Amino acid sequence: MGSFGLFNYWVVIILMMAGLYIVLATSNLIKKIIGLNIFQTSVFILYISVGKLDAGTAPIIDDAFVHYSNPLPHVLILTAIVVGVATTAVGLALVVRIHSMYRSVNEEEINSLDNSEQ
């Protein structure tokens, strides 16, 4: 392993912490969705990094190859990307409905408007 052997994992940690911070620190609903997408991207990178085999080849049986890469992590990530895009679309649709009802996407303003109605 060279000097960049753990680079992917450092990127995962930085993206994961940045996404978590955005979700926890901001009250803007759109920024929260962006933070969740950043966090989700870090998980994708983690799974792809773990599934990478340095000397591995495509899983095609041949006598010339000894090590094969497992395609399952990559297939699972493709499925997770599709699910992530769909959930992001649903989240943004909910934010549009919340904005049409409360005229705000700020979580604190929405909570104060809800509390003032009761």
PDB file of N, CA and C in Angstrom:
ATOM      1  N   MET A   1       0.839  -1.172   0.000  1.00  0.00           N
ATOM      2  CA  MET A   1       0.000   0.000   0.000  1.00  0.00           C
ATOM      3  C   MET A   1       0.889   1.242   0.000  1.00  0.00           C
ATOM      4  N   GLY A   2       0.679   2.129  -0.952  1.00  0.00           N
ATOM      5  CA  GLY A   2       1.483   3.335  -1.055  1.00  0.00           C
ATOM      6  C   GLY A   2       0.989   4.410  -0.110  1.00  0.00           C
ATOM      7  N   SER A   3       1.484   5.621  -0.334  1.00  0.00           N
ATOM      8  CA  SER A   3       1.112   6.732   0.534  1.00  0.00           C
ATOM      9  C   SER A   3      -0.350   7.130   0.351  1.00  0.00           C
ATOM     10  N   PHE A   4      -0.924   6.779  -0.793  1.00  0.00           N
ATOM     11  CA  PHE A   4      -2.330   7.093  -1.019  1.00  0.00           C
ATOM     12  C   PHE A   4      -3.228   5.881  -0.803  1.00  0.00           C
ATOM     13  N   GLY A   5      -2.732   4.881  -0.108  1.00  0.00           N
ATOM     14  CA  GLY A   5      -3.484   3.651   0.095  1.00  0.00           C
ATOM     15  C   GLY A   5      -4.759   3.849   0.881  1.00  0.00           C
ATOM     16  N   LEU A   6      -4.769   4.771   1.814  1.00  0.00           N
ATOM     17  CA  LEU A   6      -5.953   5.019   2.635  1.00  0.00           C
ATOM     18  C   LEU A   6      -6.677   6.303   2.244  1.00  0.00           C
ATOM     19  N   PHE A   7      -6.334   6.855   1.095  1.00  0.00           N
ATOM     20  CA  PHE A   7      -6.908   8.130   0.669  1.00  0.00           C
ATOM     21  C   PHE A   7      -8.428   8.043   0.545  1.00  0.00           C
ATOM     22  N   ASN A   8      -8.927   6.955  -0.021  1.00  0.00           N
ATOM     23  CA  ASN A   8     -10.381   6.794  -0.181  1.00  0.00           C
ATOM     24  C   ASN A   8     -11.102   6.844   1.165  1.00  0.00           C
ATOM     25  N   TYR A   9     -10.507   6.232   2.171  1.00  0.00           N
ATOM     26  CA  TYR A   9     -11.147   6.200   3.478  1.00  0.00           C
ATOM     27  C   TYR A   9     -11.139   7.572   4.144  1.00  0.00           C
ATOM     28  N   TRP A  10     -10.095   8.357   3.919  1.00  0.00           N
ATOM     29  CA  TRP A  10     -10.078   9.730   4.431  1.00  0.00           C
ATOM     30  C   TRP A  10     -11.146  10.571   3.744  1.00  0.00           C
ATOM     31  N   VAL A  11     -11.320  10.365   2.447  1.00  0.00           N
ATOM     32  CA  VAL A  11     -12.381  11.077   1.722  1.00  0.00           C
ATOM     33  C   VAL A  11     -13.741  10.681   2.277  1.00  0.00           C
ATOM     34  N   VAL A  12     -13.931   9.401   2.558  1.00  0.00           N
ATOM     35  CA  VAL A  12     -15.191   8.926   3.138  1.00  0.00           C
ATOM     36  C   VAL A  12     -15.449   9.602   4.473  1.00  0.00           C
ATOM     37  N   ILE A  13     -14.448   9.651   5.329  1.00  0.00           N
ATOM     38  CA  ILE A  13     -14.616  10.258   6.659  1.00  0.00           C
ATOM     39  C   ILE A  13     -14.943  11.739   6.538  1.00  0.00           C
ATOM     40  N   ILE A  14     -14.236  12.446   5.676  1.00  0.00           N
ATOM     41  CA  ILE A  14     -14.469  13.888   5.520  1.00  0.00           C
ATOM     42  C   ILE A  14     -15.872  14.153   4.972  1.00  0.00           C
ATOM     43  N   LEU A  15     -16.271  13.412   3.930  1.00  0.00           N
ATOM     44  CA  LEU A  15     -17.610  13.607   3.368  1.00  0.00           C
ATOM     45  C   LEU A  15     -18.700  13.222   4.362  1.00  0.00           C
ATOM     46  N   MET A  16     -18.478  12.137   5.102  1.00  0.00           N
ATOM     47  CA  MET A  16     -19.477  11.694   6.069  1.00  0.00           C
ATOM     48  C   MET A  16     -19.668  12.734   7.171  1.00  0.00           C
ATOM     49  N   MET A  17     -18.582  13.260   7.687  1.00  0.00           N
ATOM     50  CA  MET A  17     -18.689  14.256   8.745  1.00  0.00           C
ATOM     51  C   MET A  17     -19.263  15.580   8.221  1.00  0.00           C
ATOM     52  N   ALA A  18     -18.914  15.944   6.989  1.00  0.00           N
ATOM     53  CA  ALA A  18     -19.471  17.168   6.396  1.00  0.00           C
ATOM     54  C   ALA A  18     -20.976  17.026   6.206  1.00  0.00           C
ATOM     55  N   GLY A  19     -21.413  15.875   5.687  1.00  0.00           N
ATOM     56  CA  GLY A  19     -22.842  15.652   5.503  1.00  0.00           C
ATOM     57  C   GLY A  19     -23.599  15.636   6.816  1.00  0.00           C
ATOM     58  N   LEU A  20     -23.041  14.972   7.818  1.00  0.00           N
ATOM     59  CA  LEU A  20     -23.683  14.930   9.131  1.00  0.00           C
ATOM     60  C   LEU A  20     -23.757  16.316   9.752  1.00  0.00           C
ATOM     61  N   TYR A  21     -22.693  17.096   9.622  1.00  0.00           N
ATOM     62  CA  TYR A  21     -22.691  18.456  10.160  1.00  0.00           C
ATOM     63  C   TYR A  21     -23.756  19.319   9.483  1.00  0.00           C
ATOM     64  N   ILE A  22     -23.868  19.202   8.167  1.00  0.00           N
ATOM     65  CA  ILE A  22     -24.869  19.994   7.450  1.00  0.00           C
ATOM     66  C   ILE A  22     -26.275  19.629   7.919  1.00  0.00           C
ATOM     67  N   VAL A  23     -26.535  18.347   8.095  1.00  0.00           N
ATOM     68  CA  VAL A  23     -27.870  17.916   8.537  1.00  0.00           C
ATOM     69  C   VAL A  23     -28.172  18.439   9.932  1.00  0.00           C
ATOM     70  N   LEU A  24     -27.200  18.404  10.828  1.00  0.00           N
ATOM     71  CA  LEU A  24     -27.447  18.792  12.214  1.00  0.00           C
ATOM     72  C   LEU A  24     -27.384  20.302  12.438  1.00  0.00           C
ATOM     73  N   ALA A  25     -26.572  21.014  11.668  1.00  0.00           N
ATOM     74  CA  ALA A  25     -26.311  22.422  11.967  1.00  0.00           C
ATOM     75  C   ALA A  25     -27.272  23.392  11.289  1.00  0.00           C
ATOM     76  N   THR A  26     -27.866  23.016  10.183  1.00  0.00           N
ATOM     77  CA  THR A  26     -28.698  23.961   9.456  1.00  0.00           C
ATOM     78  C   THR A  26     -30.168  23.693   9.710  1.00  0.00           C
ATOM     79  N   SER A  27     -30.975  24.737   9.554  1.00  0.00           N
ATOM     80  CA  SER A  27     -32.418  24.565   9.710  1.00  0.00           C
ATOM     81  C   SER A  27     -33.145  24.683   8.374  1.00  0.00           C
ATOM     82  N   ASN A  28     -32.409  24.895   7.292  1.00  0.00           N
ATOM     83  CA  ASN A  28     -32.988  24.964   5.957  1.00  0.00           C
ATOM     84  C   ASN A  28     -33.204  23.539   5.454  1.00  0.00           C
ATOM     85  N   LEU A  29     -34.426  23.225   5.049  1.00  0.00           N
ATOM     86  CA  LEU A  29     -34.763  21.862   4.659  1.00  0.00           C
ATOM     87  C   LEU A  29     -34.038  21.424   3.389  1.00  0.00           C
ATOM     88  N   ILE A  30     -33.839  22.320   2.452  1.00  0.00           N
ATOM     89  CA  ILE A  30     -33.129  21.968   1.225  1.00  0.00           C
ATOM     90  C   ILE A  30     -31.663  21.662   1.535  1.00  0.00           C
ATOM     91  N   LYS A  31     -31.056  22.439   2.413  1.00  0.00           N
ATOM     92  CA  LYS A  31     -29.669  22.170   2.807  1.00  0.00           C
ATOM     93  C   LYS A  31     -29.560  20.842   3.547  1.00  0.00           C
ATOM     94  N   LYS A  32     -30.588  20.483   4.312  1.00  0.00           N
ATOM     95  CA  LYS A  32     -30.589  19.183   4.990  1.00  0.00           C
ATOM     96  C   LYS A  32     -30.607  18.042   3.976  1.00  0.00           C
ATOM     97  N   ILE A  33     -31.383  18.182   2.916  1.00  0.00           N
ATOM     98  CA  ILE A  33     -31.423  17.156   1.874  1.00  0.00           C
ATOM     99  C   ILE A  33     -30.069  17.058   1.180  1.00  0.00           C
ATOM    100  N   ILE A  34     -29.436  18.195   0.934  1.00  0.00           N
ATOM    101  CA  ILE A  34     -28.098  18.181   0.330  1.00  0.00           C
ATOM    102  C   ILE A  34     -27.106  17.493   1.264  1.00  0.00           C
ATOM    103  N   GLY A  35     -27.199  17.766   2.569  1.00  0.00           N
ATOM    104  CA  GLY A  35     -26.331  17.102   3.535  1.00  0.00           C
ATOM    105  C   GLY A  35     -26.538  15.600   3.557  1.00  0.00           C
ATOM    106  N   LEU A  36     -27.792  15.163   3.458  1.00  0.00           N
ATOM    107  CA  LEU A  36     -28.064  13.721   3.397  1.00  0.00           C
ATOM    108  C   LEU A  36     -27.478  13.106   2.135  1.00  0.00           C
ATOM    109  N   ASN A  37     -27.524  13.829   1.018  1.00  0.00           N
ATOM    110  CA  ASN A  37     -26.940  13.314  -0.226  1.00  0.00           C
ATOM    111  C   ASN A  37     -25.425  13.212  -0.126  1.00  0.00           C
ATOM    112  N   ILE A  38     -24.788  14.171   0.537  1.00  0.00           N
ATOM    113  CA  ILE A  38     -23.334  14.104   0.735  1.00  0.00           C
ATOM    114  C   ILE A  38     -22.979  12.913   1.618  1.00  0.00           C
ATOM    115  N   PHE A  39     -23.746  12.713   2.677  1.00  0.00           N
ATOM    116  CA  PHE A  39     -23.534  11.565   3.563  1.00  0.00           C
ATOM    117  C   PHE A  39     -23.716  10.257   2.785  1.00  0.00           C
ATOM    118  N   GLN A  40     -24.745  10.211   1.964  1.00  0.00           N
ATOM    119  CA  GLN A  40     -25.017   9.012   1.171  1.00  0.00           C
ATOM    120  C   GLN A  40     -23.887   8.749   0.178  1.00  0.00           C
ATOM    121  N   THR A  41     -23.348   9.787  -0.412  1.00  0.00           N
ATOM    122  CA  THR A  41     -22.230   9.626  -1.346  1.00  0.00           C
ATOM    123  C   THR A  41     -21.010   9.048  -0.647  1.00  0.00           C
ATOM    124  N   SER A  42     -20.780   9.451   0.596  1.00  0.00           N
ATOM    125  CA  SER A  42     -19.642   8.890   1.332  1.00  0.00           C
ATOM    126  C   SER A  42     -19.821   7.397   1.568  1.00  0.00           C
ATOM    127  N   VAL A  43     -21.047   6.964   1.806  1.00  0.00           N
ATOM    128  CA  VAL A  43     -21.300   5.527   1.985  1.00  0.00           C
ATOM    129  C   VAL A  43     -21.065   4.782   0.676  1.00  0.00           C
ATOM    130  N   PHE A  44     -21.454   5.387  -0.450  1.00  0.00           N
ATOM    131  CA  PHE A  44     -21.198   4.771  -1.749  1.00  0.00           C
ATOM    132  C   PHE A  44     -19.703   4.582  -1.970  1.00  0.00           C
ATOM    133  N   ILE A  45     -18.930   5.614  -1.685  1.00  0.00           N
ATOM    134  CA  ILE A  45     -17.478   5.538  -1.871  1.00  0.00           C
ATOM    135  C   ILE A  45     -16.884   4.461  -0.961  1.00  0.00           C
ATOM    136  N   LEU A  46     -17.399   4.361   0.264  1.00  0.00           N
ATOM    137  CA  LEU A  46     -16.904   3.340   1.190  1.00  0.00           C
ATOM    138  C   LEU A  46     -17.144   1.937   0.637  1.00  0.00           C
ATOM    139  N   TYR A  47     -18.348   1.658   0.174  1.00  0.00           N
ATOM    140  CA  TYR A  47     -18.647   0.327  -0.356  1.00  0.00           C
ATOM    141  C   TYR A  47     -17.824   0.012  -1.601  1.00  0.00           C
ATOM    142  N   ILE A  48     -17.658   0.997  -2.473  1.00  0.00           N
ATOM    143  CA  ILE A  48     -16.871   0.766  -3.680  1.00  0.00           C
ATOM    144  C   ILE A  48     -15.400   0.541  -3.315  1.00  0.00           C
ATOM    145  N   SER A  49     -14.892   1.280  -2.328  1.00  0.00           N
ATOM    146  CA  SER A  49     -13.499   1.106  -1.911  1.00  0.00           C
ATOM    147  C   SER A  49     -13.259  -0.265  -1.297  1.00  0.00           C
ATOM    148  N   VAL A  50     -14.212  -0.729  -0.505  1.00  0.00           N
ATOM    149  CA  VAL A  50     -14.065  -2.045   0.121  1.00  0.00           C
ATOM    150  C   VAL A  50     -14.164  -3.146  -0.928  1.00  0.00           C
ATOM    151  N   GLY A  51     -14.990  -2.942  -1.955  1.00  0.00           N
ATOM    152  CA  GLY A  51     -15.182  -3.959  -2.977  1.00  0.00           C
ATOM    153  C   GLY A  51     -14.073  -4.029  -4.010  1.00  0.00           C
ATOM    154  N   LYS A  52     -13.126  -3.087  -3.979  1.00  0.00           N
ATOM    155  CA  LYS A  52     -12.034  -3.058  -4.962  1.00  0.00           C
ATOM    156  C   LYS A  52     -10.952  -4.046  -4.558  1.00  0.00           C
ATOM    157  N   LEU A  53     -10.523  -4.848  -5.503  1.00  0.00           N
ATOM    158  CA  LEU A  53      -9.436  -5.812  -5.293  1.00  0.00           C
ATOM    159  C   LEU A  53      -8.303  -5.424  -6.228  1.00  0.00           C
ATOM    160  N   ASP A  54      -7.098  -5.194  -5.677  1.00  0.00           N
ATOM    161  CA  ASP A  54      -5.979  -4.669  -6.465  1.00  0.00           C
ATOM    162  C   ASP A  54      -5.611  -5.565  -7.641  1.00  0.00           C
ATOM    163  N   ALA A  55      -5.486  -6.844  -7.418  1.00  0.00           N
ATOM    164  CA  ALA A  55      -5.055  -7.737  -8.493  1.00  0.00           C
ATOM    165  C   ALA A  55      -6.236  -8.446  -9.147  1.00  0.00           C
ATOM    166  N   GLY A  56      -7.445  -8.037  -8.825  1.00  0.00           N
ATOM    167  CA  GLY A  56      -8.625  -8.727  -9.322  1.00  0.00           C
ATOM    168  C   GLY A  56      -8.996  -8.347 -10.739  1.00  0.00           C
ATOM    169  N   THR A  57      -9.591  -9.277 -11.433  1.00  0.00           N
ATOM    170  CA  THR A  57     -10.090  -9.040 -12.785  1.00  0.00           C
ATOM    171  C   THR A  57     -11.590  -9.273 -12.796  1.00  0.00           C
ATOM    172  N   ALA A  58     -12.193  -9.073 -13.937  1.00  0.00           N
ATOM    173  CA  ALA A  58     -13.620  -9.329 -14.084  1.00  0.00           C
ATOM    174  C   ALA A  58     -13.908 -10.803 -13.808  1.00  0.00           C
ATOM    175  N   PRO A  59     -15.073 -11.094 -13.253  1.00  0.00           N
ATOM    176  CA  PRO A  59     -15.375 -12.489 -12.895  1.00  0.00           C
ATOM    177  C   PRO A  59     -15.716 -13.352 -14.115  1.00  0.00           C
ATOM    178  N   ILE A  60     -14.750 -13.501 -14.986  1.00  0.00           N
ATOM    179  CA  ILE A  60     -14.879 -14.383 -16.145  1.00  0.00           C
ATOM    180  C   ILE A  60     -13.888 -15.521 -15.938  1.00  0.00           C
ATOM    181  N   ILE A  61     -14.372 -16.725 -15.863  1.00  0.00           N
ATOM    182  CA  ILE A  61     -13.533 -17.882 -15.538  1.00  0.00           C
ATOM    183  C   ILE A  61     -12.546 -18.150 -16.678  1.00  0.00           C
ATOM    184  N   ASP A  62     -11.260 -18.120 -16.295  1.00  0.00           N
ATOM    185  CA  ASP A  62     -10.188 -18.404 -17.250  1.00  0.00           C
ATOM    186  C   ASP A  62      -8.985 -18.916 -16.451  1.00  0.00           C
ATOM    187  N   ASP A  63      -8.199 -19.791 -17.045  1.00  0.00           N
ATOM    188  CA  ASP A  63      -7.034 -20.344 -16.352  1.00  0.00           C
ATOM    189  C   ASP A  63      -5.935 -19.310 -16.149  1.00  0.00           C
ATOM    190  N   ALA A  64      -5.941 -18.234 -16.898  1.00  0.00           N
ATOM    191  CA  ALA A  64      -4.892 -17.212 -16.792  1.00  0.00           C
ATOM    192  C   ALA A  64      -5.074 -16.324 -15.560  1.00  0.00           C
ATOM    193  N   PHE A  65      -6.258 -16.309 -14.977  1.00  0.00           N
ATOM    194  CA  PHE A  65      -6.534 -15.418 -13.845  1.00  0.00           C
ATOM    195  C   PHE A  65      -6.642 -16.212 -12.557  1.00  0.00           C
ATOM    196  N   VAL A  66      -6.157 -15.607 -11.493  1.00  0.00           N
ATOM    197  CA  VAL A  66      -6.211 -16.248 -10.183  1.00  0.00           C
ATOM    198  C   VAL A  66      -7.186 -15.519  -9.264  1.00  0.00           C
ATOM    199  N   HIS A  67      -7.143 -14.174  -9.287  1.00  0.00           N
ATOM    200  CA  HIS A  67      -7.976 -13.360  -8.404  1.00  0.00           C
ATOM    201  C   HIS A  67      -9.092 -12.704  -9.207  1.00  0.00           C
ATOM    202  N   TYR A  68     -10.290 -12.786  -8.658  1.00  0.00           N
ATOM    203  CA  TYR A  68     -11.448 -12.184  -9.315  1.00  0.00           C
ATOM    204  C   TYR A  68     -12.070 -11.146  -8.390  1.00  0.00           C
ATOM    205  N   SER A  69     -12.550 -10.071  -8.969  1.00  0.00           N
ATOM    206  CA  SER A  69     -13.268  -9.059  -8.200  1.00  0.00           C
ATOM    207  C   SER A  69     -14.723  -9.459  -8.063  1.00  0.00           C
ATOM    208  N   ASN A  70     -15.284  -9.188  -6.909  1.00  0.00           N
ATOM    209  CA  ASN A  70     -16.680  -9.484  -6.660  1.00  0.00           C
ATOM    210  C   ASN A  70     -17.526  -8.317  -7.196  1.00  0.00           C
ATOM    211  N   PRO A  71     -18.445  -8.554  -8.123  1.00  0.00           N
ATOM    212  CA  PRO A  71     -19.248  -7.460  -8.671  1.00  0.00           C
ATOM    213  C   PRO A  71     -20.425  -7.057  -7.782  1.00  0.00           C
ATOM    214  N   LEU A  72     -20.702  -7.810  -6.733  1.00  0.00           N
ATOM    215  CA  LEU A  72     -21.868  -7.547  -5.904  1.00  0.00           C
ATOM    216  C   LEU A  72     -21.861  -6.157  -5.260  1.00  0.00           C
ATOM    217  N   PRO A  73     -20.751  -5.677  -4.664  1.00  0.00           N
ATOM    218  CA  PRO A  73     -20.797  -4.331  -4.081  1.00  0.00           C
ATOM    219  C   PRO A  73     -21.120  -3.244  -5.109  1.00  0.00           C
ATOM    220  N   HIS A  74     -20.615  -3.378  -6.302  1.00  0.00           N
ATOM    221  CA  HIS A  74     -20.862  -2.371  -7.332  1.00  0.00           C
ATOM    222  C   HIS A  74     -22.315  -2.400  -7.789  1.00  0.00           C
ATOM    223  N   VAL A  75     -22.879  -3.586  -7.893  1.00  0.00           N
ATOM    224  CA  VAL A  75     -24.285  -3.710  -8.274  1.00  0.00           C
ATOM    225  C   VAL A  75     -25.183  -3.144  -7.181  1.00  0.00           C
ATOM    226  N   LEU A  76     -24.834  -3.408  -5.932  1.00  0.00           N
ATOM    227  CA  LEU A  76     -25.624  -2.862  -4.826  1.00  0.00           C
ATOM    228  C   LEU A  76     -25.568  -1.339  -4.801  1.00  0.00           C
ATOM    229  N   ILE A  77     -24.410  -0.768  -5.129  1.00  0.00           N
ATOM    230  CA  ILE A  77     -24.285   0.686  -5.150  1.00  0.00           C
ATOM    231  C   ILE A  77     -25.103   1.276  -6.289  1.00  0.00           C
ATOM    232  N   LEU A  78     -25.140   0.618  -7.436  1.00  0.00           N
ATOM    233  CA  LEU A  78     -25.988   1.107  -8.527  1.00  0.00           C
ATOM    234  C   LEU A  78     -27.448   1.149  -8.096  1.00  0.00           C
ATOM    235  N   THR A  79     -27.889   0.117  -7.409  1.00  0.00           N
ATOM    236  CA  THR A  79     -29.257   0.102  -6.899  1.00  0.00           C
ATOM    237  C   THR A  79     -29.455   1.202  -5.860  1.00  0.00           C
ATOM    238  N   ALA A  80     -28.488   1.398  -4.991  1.00  0.00           N
ATOM    239  CA  ALA A  80     -28.593   2.429  -3.959  1.00  0.00           C
ATOM    240  C   ALA A  80     -28.619   3.828  -4.565  1.00  0.00           C
ATOM    241  N   ILE A  81     -27.910   4.035  -5.665  1.00  0.00           N
ATOM    242  CA  ILE A  81     -27.938   5.344  -6.333  1.00  0.00           C
ATOM    243  C   ILE A  81     -29.335   5.622  -6.870  1.00  0.00           C
ATOM    244  N   VAL A  82     -29.961   4.626  -7.472  1.00  0.00           N
ATOM    245  CA  VAL A  82     -31.323   4.804  -7.993  1.00  0.00           C
ATOM    246  C   VAL A  82     -32.297   5.101  -6.858  1.00  0.00           C
ATOM    247  N   VAL A  83     -32.183   4.359  -5.766  1.00  0.00           N
ATOM    248  CA  VAL A  83     -33.054   4.598  -4.610  1.00  0.00           C
ATOM    249  C   VAL A  83     -32.779   5.975  -4.021  1.00  0.00           C
ATOM    250  N   GLY A  84     -31.512   6.383  -3.979  1.00  0.00           N
ATOM    251  CA  GLY A  84     -31.158   7.699  -3.453  1.00  0.00           C
ATOM    252  C   GLY A  84     -31.731   8.834  -4.274  1.00  0.00           C
ATOM    253  N   VAL A  85     -31.702   8.702  -5.590  1.00  0.00           N
ATOM    254  CA  VAL A  85     -32.293   9.732  -6.450  1.00  0.00           C
ATOM    255  C   VAL A  85     -33.802   9.805  -6.230  1.00  0.00           C
ATOM    256  N   ALA A  86     -34.434   8.658  -6.086  1.00  0.00           N
ATOM    257  CA  ALA A  86     -35.886   8.638  -5.866  1.00  0.00           C
ATOM    258  C   ALA A  86     -36.254   9.268  -4.522  1.00  0.00           C
ATOM    259  N   THR A  87     -35.512   8.938  -3.469  1.00  0.00           N
ATOM    260  CA  THR A  87     -35.831   9.517  -2.162  1.00  0.00           C
ATOM    261  C   THR A  87     -35.513  11.006  -2.120  1.00  0.00           C
ATOM    262  N   THR A  88     -34.496  11.438  -2.847  1.00  0.00           N
ATOM    263  CA  THR A  88     -34.211  12.871  -2.937  1.00  0.00           C
ATOM    264  C   THR A  88     -35.350  13.592  -3.640  1.00  0.00           C
ATOM    265  N   ALA A  89     -35.880  12.999  -4.691  1.00  0.00           N
ATOM    266  CA  ALA A  89     -37.015  13.596  -5.393  1.00  0.00           C
ATOM    267  C   ALA A  89     -38.240  13.693  -4.490  1.00  0.00           C
ATOM    268  N   VAL A  90     -38.501  12.656  -3.715  1.00  0.00           N
ATOM    269  CA  VAL A  90     -39.635  12.688  -2.786  1.00  0.00           C
ATOM    270  C   VAL A  90     -39.406  13.754  -1.710  1.00  0.00           C
ATOM    271  N   GLY A  91     -38.180  13.831  -1.189  1.00  0.00           N
ATOM    272  CA  GLY A  91     -37.862  14.846  -0.188  1.00  0.00           C
ATOM    273  C   GLY A  91     -38.035  16.257  -0.720  1.00  0.00           C
ATOM    274  N   LEU A  92     -37.572  16.500  -1.936  1.00  0.00           N
ATOM    275  CA  LEU A  92     -37.733  17.823  -2.527  1.00  0.00           C
ATOM    276  C   LEU A  92     -39.195  18.133  -2.817  1.00  0.00           C
ATOM    277  N   ALA A  93     -39.976  17.124  -3.206  1.00  0.00           N
ATOM    278  CA  ALA A  93     -41.411  17.329  -3.416  1.00  0.00           C
ATOM    279  C   ALA A  93     -42.092  17.698  -2.094  1.00  0.00           C
ATOM    280  N   LEU A  94     -41.676  17.051  -1.009  1.00  0.00           N
ATOM    281  CA  LEU A  94     -42.231  17.406   0.302  1.00  0.00           C
ATOM    282  C   LEU A  94     -41.846  18.828   0.705  1.00  0.00           C
ATOM    283  N   VAL A  95     -40.630  19.229   0.389  1.00  0.00           N
ATOM    284  CA  VAL A  95     -40.201  20.594   0.702  1.00  0.00           C
ATOM    285  C   VAL A  95     -41.030  21.609  -0.095  1.00  0.00           C
ATOM    286  N   VAL A  96     -41.336  21.287  -1.340  1.00  0.00           N
ATOM    287  CA  VAL A  96     -42.183  22.183  -2.143  1.00  0.00           C
ATOM    288  C   VAL A  96     -43.567  22.309  -1.510  1.00  0.00           C
ATOM    289  N   ARG A  97     -44.143  21.182  -1.059  1.00  0.00           N
ATOM    290  CA  ARG A  97     -45.461  21.236  -0.408  1.00  0.00           C
ATOM    291  C   ARG A  97     -45.399  21.999   0.917  1.00  0.00           C
ATOM    292  N   ILE A  98     -44.328  21.806   1.681  1.00  0.00           N
ATOM    293  CA  ILE A  98     -44.166  22.530   2.940  1.00  0.00           C
ATOM    294  C   ILE A  98     -44.045  24.016   2.663  1.00  0.00           C
ATOM    295  N   HIS A  99     -43.297  24.366   1.630  1.00  0.00           N
ATOM    296  CA  HIS A  99     -43.136  25.783   1.289  1.00  0.00           C
ATOM    297  C   HIS A  99     -44.457  26.404   0.840  1.00  0.00           C
ATOM    298  N   SER A 100     -45.259  25.655   0.106  1.00  0.00           N
ATOM    299  CA  SER A 100     -46.544  26.199  -0.331  1.00  0.00           C
ATOM    300  C   SER A 100     -47.508  26.388   0.838  1.00  0.00           C
ATOM    301  N   MET A 101     -47.355  25.588   1.881  1.00  0.00           N
ATOM    302  CA  MET A 101     -48.246  25.701   3.027  1.00  0.00           C
ATOM    303  C   MET A 101     -47.772  26.748   4.042  1.00  0.00           C
ATOM    304  N   TYR A 102     -46.459  26.783   4.308  1.00  0.00           N
ATOM    305  CA  TYR A 102     -45.924  27.659   5.350  1.00  0.00           C
ATOM    306  C   TYR A 102     -45.195  28.882   4.812  1.00  0.00           C
ATOM    307  N   ARG A 103     -44.940  28.941   3.512  1.00  0.00           N
ATOM    308  CA  ARG A 103     -44.190  30.025   2.878  1.00  0.00           C
ATOM    309  C   ARG A 103     -42.774  30.153   3.441  1.00  0.00           C
ATOM    310  N   SER A 104     -42.195  29.013   3.830  1.00  0.00           N
ATOM    311  CA  SER A 104     -40.837  28.979   4.368  1.00  0.00           C
ATOM    312  C   SER A 104     -40.297  27.564   4.258  1.00  0.00           C
ATOM    313  N   VAL A 105     -38.973  27.460   4.138  1.00  0.00           N
ATOM    314  CA  VAL A 105     -38.319  26.154   4.204  1.00  0.00           C
ATOM    315  C   VAL A 105     -37.394  26.091   5.414  1.00  0.00           C
ATOM    316  N   ASN A 106     -37.510  27.061   6.302  1.00  0.00           N
ATOM    317  CA  ASN A 106     -36.707  27.106   7.516  1.00  0.00           C
ATOM    318  C   ASN A 106     -37.441  26.335   8.611  1.00  0.00           C
ATOM    319  N   GLU A 107     -36.770  25.346   9.168  1.00  0.00           N
ATOM    320  CA  GLU A 107     -37.390  24.463  10.157  1.00  0.00           C
ATOM    321  C   GLU A 107     -37.868  25.222  11.389  1.00  0.00           C
ATOM    322  N   GLU A 108     -37.095  26.184  11.847  1.00  0.00           N
ATOM    323  CA  GLU A 108     -37.468  26.946  13.045  1.00  0.00           C
ATOM    324  C   GLU A 108     -38.718  27.791  12.802  1.00  0.00           C
ATOM    325  N   GLU A 109     -38.810  28.423  11.627  1.00  0.00           N
ATOM    326  CA  GLU A 109     -40.001  29.216  11.297  1.00  0.00           C
ATOM    327  C   GLU A 109     -41.235  28.324  11.192  1.00  0.00           C
ATOM    328  N   ILE A 110     -41.081  27.158  10.607  1.00  0.00           N
ATOM    329  CA  ILE A 110     -42.214  26.233  10.461  1.00  0.00           C
ATOM    330  C   ILE A 110     -42.688  25.769  11.833  1.00  0.00           C
ATOM    331  N   ASN A 111     -41.749  25.455  12.739  1.00  0.00           N
ATOM    332  CA  ASN A 111     -42.124  25.044  14.093  1.00  0.00           C
ATOM    333  C   ASN A 111     -42.816  26.172  14.846  1.00  0.00           C
ATOM    334  N   SER A 112     -42.332  27.407  14.694  1.00  0.00           N
ATOM    335  CA  SER A 112     -42.971  28.529  15.383  1.00  0.00           C
ATOM    336  C   SER A 112     -44.366  28.805  14.823  1.00  0.00           C
ATOM    337  N   LEU A 113     -44.550  28.640  13.500  1.00  0.00           N
ATOM    338  CA  LEU A 113     -45.884  28.806  12.924  1.00  0.00           C
ATOM    339  C   LEU A 113     -46.818  27.709  13.403  1.00  0.00           C
ATOM    340  N   ASP A 114     -46.336  26.493  13.525  1.00  0.00           N
ATOM    341  CA  ASP A 114     -47.160  25.392  14.040  1.00  0.00           C
ATOM    342  C   ASP A 114     -47.544  25.623  15.490  1.00  0.00           C
ATOM    343  N   ASN A 115     -46.603  26.100  16.285  1.00  0.00           N
ATOM    344  CA  ASN A 115     -46.873  26.318  17.711  1.00  0.00           C
ATOM    345  C   ASN A 115     -47.819  27.500  17.932  1.00  0.00           C
ATOM    346  N   SER A 116     -47.763  28.496  17.062  1.00  0.00           N
ATOM    347  CA  SER A 116     -48.638  29.654  17.228  1.00  0.00           C
ATOM    348  C   SER A 116     -50.080  29.321  16.857  1.00  0.00           C
ATOM    349  N   GLU A 117     -50.302  28.318  16.003  1.00  0.00           N
ATOM    350  CA  GLU A 117     -51.657  27.921  15.637  1.00  0.00           C
ATOM    351  C   GLU A 117     -52.348  27.135  16.748  1.00  0.00           C
ATOM    352  N   GLN A 118     -51.605  26.513  17.638  1.00  0.00           N
ATOM    353  CA  GLN A 118     -52.205  25.674  18.679  1.00  0.00           C
ATOM    354  C   GLN A 118     -52.642  26.458  19.845  1.00  0.00           C
TER     355      GLN A 118
END
